[in-house]
Amino acid sequence: MLISIIIPTLNEEERIEKLITHLQQDPSFPLVMEIIVVDGNSEDRTRGGS
């Protein structure tokens, strides 16, 4: 069984990269088919933009 992880975010520039890296290093990561980050119109660089 494969799973998808959906992460809702709002102004998470400081934490989102660390969270995704942690999830990718988790021993169960081979079960993860995709990680979807859904941004709630952040005012920081959560979406990777300027």
PDB file of N, CA and C in Angstrom:
ATOM      1  N   MET A   1       0.835  -1.172   0.000  1.00  0.00           N
ATOM      2  CA  MET A   1       0.000   0.000   0.000  1.00  0.00           C
ATOM      3  C   MET A   1       0.887   1.245   0.000  1.00  0.00           C
ATOM      4  N   LEU A   2       0.577   2.163  -0.897  1.00  0.00           N
ATOM      5  CA  LEU A   2       1.287   3.435  -0.954  1.00  0.00           C
ATOM      6  C   LEU A   2       0.390   4.533  -0.405  1.00  0.00           C
ATOM      7  N   ILE A   3       1.013   5.549   0.198  1.00  0.00           N
ATOM      8  CA  ILE A   3       0.229   6.629   0.767  1.00  0.00           C
ATOM      9  C   ILE A   3       0.665   7.982   0.208  1.00  0.00           C
ATOM     10  N   SER A   4      -0.235   8.941   0.290  1.00  0.00           N
ATOM     11  CA  SER A   4       0.060  10.336  -0.030  1.00  0.00           C
ATOM     12  C   SER A   4       0.018  11.123   1.272  1.00  0.00           C
ATOM     13  N   ILE A   5       0.924  12.076   1.406  1.00  0.00           N
ATOM     14  CA  ILE A   5       0.935  12.951   2.570  1.00  0.00           C
ATOM     15  C   ILE A   5       0.541  14.340   2.082  1.00  0.00           C
ATOM     16  N   ILE A   6      -0.478  14.920   2.703  1.00  0.00           N
ATOM     17  CA  ILE A   6      -0.933  16.262   2.356  1.00  0.00           C
ATOM     18  C   ILE A   6      -0.625  17.175   3.539  1.00  0.00           C
ATOM     19  N   ILE A   7       0.129  18.241   3.278  1.00  0.00           N
ATOM     20  CA  ILE A   7       0.546  19.155   4.336  1.00  0.00           C
ATOM     21  C   ILE A   7      -0.051  20.529   4.058  1.00  0.00           C
ATOM     22  N   PRO A   8      -1.060  20.943   4.826  1.00  0.00           N
ATOM     23  CA  PRO A   8      -1.570  22.306   4.682  1.00  0.00           C
ATOM     24  C   PRO A   8      -0.609  23.277   5.375  1.00  0.00           C
ATOM     25  N   THR A   9      -0.331  24.408   4.745  1.00  0.00           N
ATOM     26  CA  THR A   9       0.622  25.354   5.322  1.00  0.00           C
ATOM     27  C   THR A   9       0.083  26.775   5.300  1.00  0.00           C
ATOM     28  N   LEU A  10       0.584  27.571   6.212  1.00  0.00           N
ATOM     29  CA  LEU A  10       0.352  29.008   6.239  1.00  0.00           C
ATOM     30  C   LEU A  10       1.540  29.631   6.959  1.00  0.00           C
ATOM     31  N   ASN A  11       2.350  30.351   6.192  1.00  0.00           N
ATOM     32  CA  ASN A  11       3.530  31.021   6.746  1.00  0.00           C
ATOM     33  C   ASN A  11       4.462  30.038   7.457  1.00  0.00           C
ATOM     34  N   GLU A  12       4.841  28.983   6.769  1.00  0.00           N
ATOM     35  CA  GLU A  12       5.703  27.941   7.346  1.00  0.00           C
ATOM     36  C   GLU A  12       7.104  27.927   6.723  1.00  0.00           C
ATOM     37  N   GLU A  13       7.534  29.048   6.197  1.00  0.00           N
ATOM     38  CA  GLU A  13       8.854  29.141   5.561  1.00  0.00           C
ATOM     39  C   GLU A  13       9.965  28.587   6.448  1.00  0.00           C
ATOM     40  N   GLU A  14       9.884  28.847   7.731  1.00  0.00           N
ATOM     41  CA  GLU A  14      10.935  28.436   8.669  1.00  0.00           C
ATOM     42  C   GLU A  14      10.977  26.933   8.900  1.00  0.00           C
ATOM     43  N   ARG A  15       9.856  26.221   8.659  1.00  0.00           N
ATOM     44  CA  ARG A  15       9.771  24.817   9.069  1.00  0.00           C
ATOM     45  C   ARG A  15       9.513  23.809   7.953  1.00  0.00           C
ATOM     46  N   ILE A  16       8.976  24.226   6.827  1.00  0.00           N
ATOM     47  CA  ILE A  16       8.501  23.260   5.828  1.00  0.00           C
ATOM     48  C   ILE A  16       9.633  22.405   5.238  1.00  0.00           C
ATOM     49  N   GLU A  17      10.768  23.010   4.961  1.00  0.00           N
ATOM     50  CA  GLU A  17      11.871  22.236   4.393  1.00  0.00           C
ATOM     51  C   GLU A  17      12.359  21.157   5.365  1.00  0.00           C
ATOM     52  N   LYS A  18      12.469  21.510   6.641  1.00  0.00           N
ATOM     53  CA  LYS A  18      12.907  20.545   7.653  1.00  0.00           C
ATOM     54  C   LYS A  18      11.897  19.402   7.773  1.00  0.00           C
ATOM     55  N   LEU A  19      10.605  19.713   7.721  1.00  0.00           N
ATOM     56  CA  LEU A  19       9.573  18.681   7.812  1.00  0.00           C
ATOM     57  C   LEU A  19       9.655  17.717   6.630  1.00  0.00           C
ATOM     58  N   ILE A  20       9.777  18.240   5.428  1.00  0.00           N
ATOM     59  CA  ILE A  20       9.843  17.376   4.244  1.00  0.00           C
ATOM     60  C   ILE A  20      11.101  16.513   4.287  1.00  0.00           C
ATOM     61  N   THR A  21      12.222  17.092   4.683  1.00  0.00           N
ATOM     62  CA  THR A  21      13.457  16.314   4.806  1.00  0.00           C
ATOM     63  C   THR A  21      13.284  15.198   5.834  1.00  0.00           C
ATOM     64  N   HIS A  22      12.668  15.507   6.959  1.00  0.00           N
ATOM     65  CA  HIS A  22      12.410  14.494   7.991  1.00  0.00           C
ATOM     66  C   HIS A  22      11.537  13.367   7.443  1.00  0.00           C
ATOM     67  N   LEU A  23      10.488  13.723   6.725  1.00  0.00           N
ATOM     68  CA  LEU A  23       9.607  12.693   6.166  1.00  0.00           C
ATOM     69  C   LEU A  23      10.353  11.797   5.178  1.00  0.00           C
ATOM     70  N   GLN A  24      11.231  12.384   4.373  1.00  0.00           N
ATOM     71  CA  GLN A  24      11.981  11.603   3.387  1.00  0.00           C
ATOM     72  C   GLN A  24      12.997  10.676   4.043  1.00  0.00           C
ATOM     73  N   GLN A  25      13.457  11.001   5.228  1.00  0.00           N
ATOM     74  CA  GLN A  25      14.435  10.168   5.926  1.00  0.00           C
ATOM     75  C   GLN A  25      13.783   9.114   6.814  1.00  0.00           C
ATOM     76  N   ASP A  26      12.477   9.195   6.973  1.00  0.00           N
ATOM     77  CA  ASP A  26      11.742   8.236   7.797  1.00  0.00           C
ATOM     78  C   ASP A  26      11.818   6.848   7.159  1.00  0.00           C
ATOM     79  N   PRO A  27      12.027   5.791   7.941  1.00  0.00           N
ATOM     80  CA  PRO A  27      12.136   4.438   7.393  1.00  0.00           C
ATOM     81  C   PRO A  27      10.905   3.985   6.607  1.00  0.00           C
ATOM     82  N   SER A  28       9.768   4.588   6.874  1.00  0.00           N
ATOM     83  CA  SER A  28       8.558   4.197   6.143  1.00  0.00           C
ATOM     84  C   SER A  28       8.395   4.967   4.835  1.00  0.00           C
ATOM     85  N   PHE A  29       9.354   5.821   4.487  1.00  0.00           N
ATOM     86  CA  PHE A  29       9.225   6.659   3.288  1.00  0.00           C
ATOM     87  C   PHE A  29       8.981   5.873   2.002  1.00  0.00           C
ATOM     88  N   PRO A  30       9.517   4.653   1.837  1.00  0.00           N
ATOM     89  CA  PRO A  30       9.196   3.919   0.605  1.00  0.00           C
ATOM     90  C   PRO A  30       7.698   3.693   0.398  1.00  0.00           C
ATOM     91  N   LEU A  31       6.917   3.803   1.462  1.00  0.00           N
ATOM     92  CA  LEU A  31       5.470   3.660   1.336  1.00  0.00           C
ATOM     93  C   LEU A  31       4.808   4.951   0.844  1.00  0.00           C
ATOM     94  N   VAL A  32       5.548   6.056   0.866  1.00  0.00           N
ATOM     95  CA  VAL A  32       4.991   7.355   0.484  1.00  0.00           C
ATOM     96  C   VAL A  32       5.099   7.534  -1.029  1.00  0.00           C
ATOM     97  N   MET A  33       3.952   7.674  -1.661  1.00  0.00           N
ATOM     98  CA  MET A  33       3.923   7.865  -3.106  1.00  0.00           C
ATOM     99  C   MET A  33       4.170   9.326  -3.462  1.00  0.00           C
ATOM    100  N   GLU A  34       3.646  10.255  -2.642  1.00  0.00           N
ATOM    101  CA  GLU A  34       3.789  11.673  -2.938  1.00  0.00           C
ATOM    102  C   GLU A  34       3.606  12.495  -1.675  1.00  0.00           C
ATOM    103  N   ILE A  35       4.228  13.677  -1.690  1.00  0.00           N
ATOM    104  CA  ILE A  35       4.021  14.667  -0.642  1.00  0.00           C
ATOM    105  C   ILE A  35       3.439  15.888  -1.329  1.00  0.00           C
ATOM    106  N   ILE A  36       2.259  16.292  -0.886  1.00  0.00           N
ATOM    107  CA  ILE A  36       1.576  17.441  -1.475  1.00  0.00           C
ATOM    108  C   ILE A  36       1.553  18.549  -0.430  1.00  0.00           C
ATOM    109  N   VAL A  37       2.091  19.716  -0.781  1.00  0.00           N
ATOM    110  CA  VAL A  37       2.068  20.867   0.109  1.00  0.00           C
ATOM    111  C   VAL A  37       1.035  21.839  -0.435  1.00  0.00           C
ATOM    112  N   VAL A  38       0.055  22.172   0.401  1.00  0.00           N
ATOM    113  CA  VAL A  38      -1.022  23.076   0.009  1.00  0.00           C
ATOM    114  C   VAL A  38      -0.873  24.359   0.813  1.00  0.00           C
ATOM    115  N   ASP A  39      -0.616  25.458   0.119  1.00  0.00           N
ATOM    116  CA  ASP A  39      -0.375  26.723   0.794  1.00  0.00           C
ATOM    117  C   ASP A  39      -1.656  27.535   0.923  1.00  0.00           C
ATOM    118  N   GLY A  40      -1.883  28.107   2.104  1.00  0.00           N
ATOM    119  CA  GLY A  40      -3.071  28.904   2.376  1.00  0.00           C
ATOM    120  C   GLY A  40      -2.826  30.390   2.185  1.00  0.00           C
ATOM    121  N   ASN A  41      -2.152  30.750   1.071  1.00  0.00           N
ATOM    122  CA  ASN A  41      -1.877  32.155   0.741  1.00  0.00           C
ATOM    123  C   ASN A  41      -0.905  32.781   1.744  1.00  0.00           C
ATOM    124  N   SER A  42       0.198  32.119   1.982  1.00  0.00           N
ATOM    125  CA  SER A  42       1.203  32.593   2.919  1.00  0.00           C
ATOM    126  C   SER A  42       1.748  33.962   2.519  1.00  0.00           C
ATOM    127  N   GLU A  43       2.173  34.714   3.534  1.00  0.00           N
ATOM    128  CA  GLU A  43       2.781  36.017   3.296  1.00  0.00           C
ATOM    129  C   GLU A  43       4.306  35.939   3.342  1.00  0.00           C
ATOM    130  N   ASP A  44       4.854  34.757   3.595  1.00  0.00           N
ATOM    131  CA  ASP A  44       6.308  34.574   3.584  1.00  0.00           C
ATOM    132  C   ASP A  44       6.674  33.765   2.333  1.00  0.00           C
ATOM    133  N   ARG A  45       7.829  33.117   2.343  1.00  0.00           N
ATOM    134  CA  ARG A  45       8.291  32.375   1.162  1.00  0.00           C
ATOM    135  C   ARG A  45       7.989  30.890   1.263  1.00  0.00           C
ATOM    136  N   THR A  46       6.904  30.511   1.921  1.00  0.00           N
ATOM    137  CA  THR A  46       6.523  29.107   2.037  1.00  0.00           C
ATOM    138  C   THR A  46       6.425  28.449   0.668  1.00  0.00           C
ATOM    139  N   ARG A  47       5.871  29.154  -0.308  1.00  0.00           N
ATOM    140  CA  ARG A  47       5.689  28.589  -1.648  1.00  0.00           C
ATOM    141  C   ARG A  47       6.995  28.567  -2.445  1.00  0.00           C
ATOM    142  N   GLY A  48       8.078  29.073  -1.901  1.00  0.00           N
ATOM    143  CA  GLY A  48       9.345  29.065  -2.609  1.00  0.00           C
ATOM    144  C   GLY A  48       9.548  30.285  -3.481  1.00  0.00           C
ATOM    145  N   GLY A  49       8.634  31.204  -3.448  1.00  0.00           N
ATOM    146  CA  GLY A  49       8.748  32.431  -4.248  1.00  0.00           C
ATOM    147  C   GLY A  49       9.376  33.539  -3.450  1.00  0.00           C
ATOM    148  N   SER A  50       9.438  34.705  -4.067  1.00  0.00           N
ATOM    149  CA  SER A  50      10.015  35.851  -3.350  1.00  0.00           C
ATOM    150  C   SER A  50       8.948  36.727  -2.757  1.00  0.00           C
TER     151      SER A  50
END
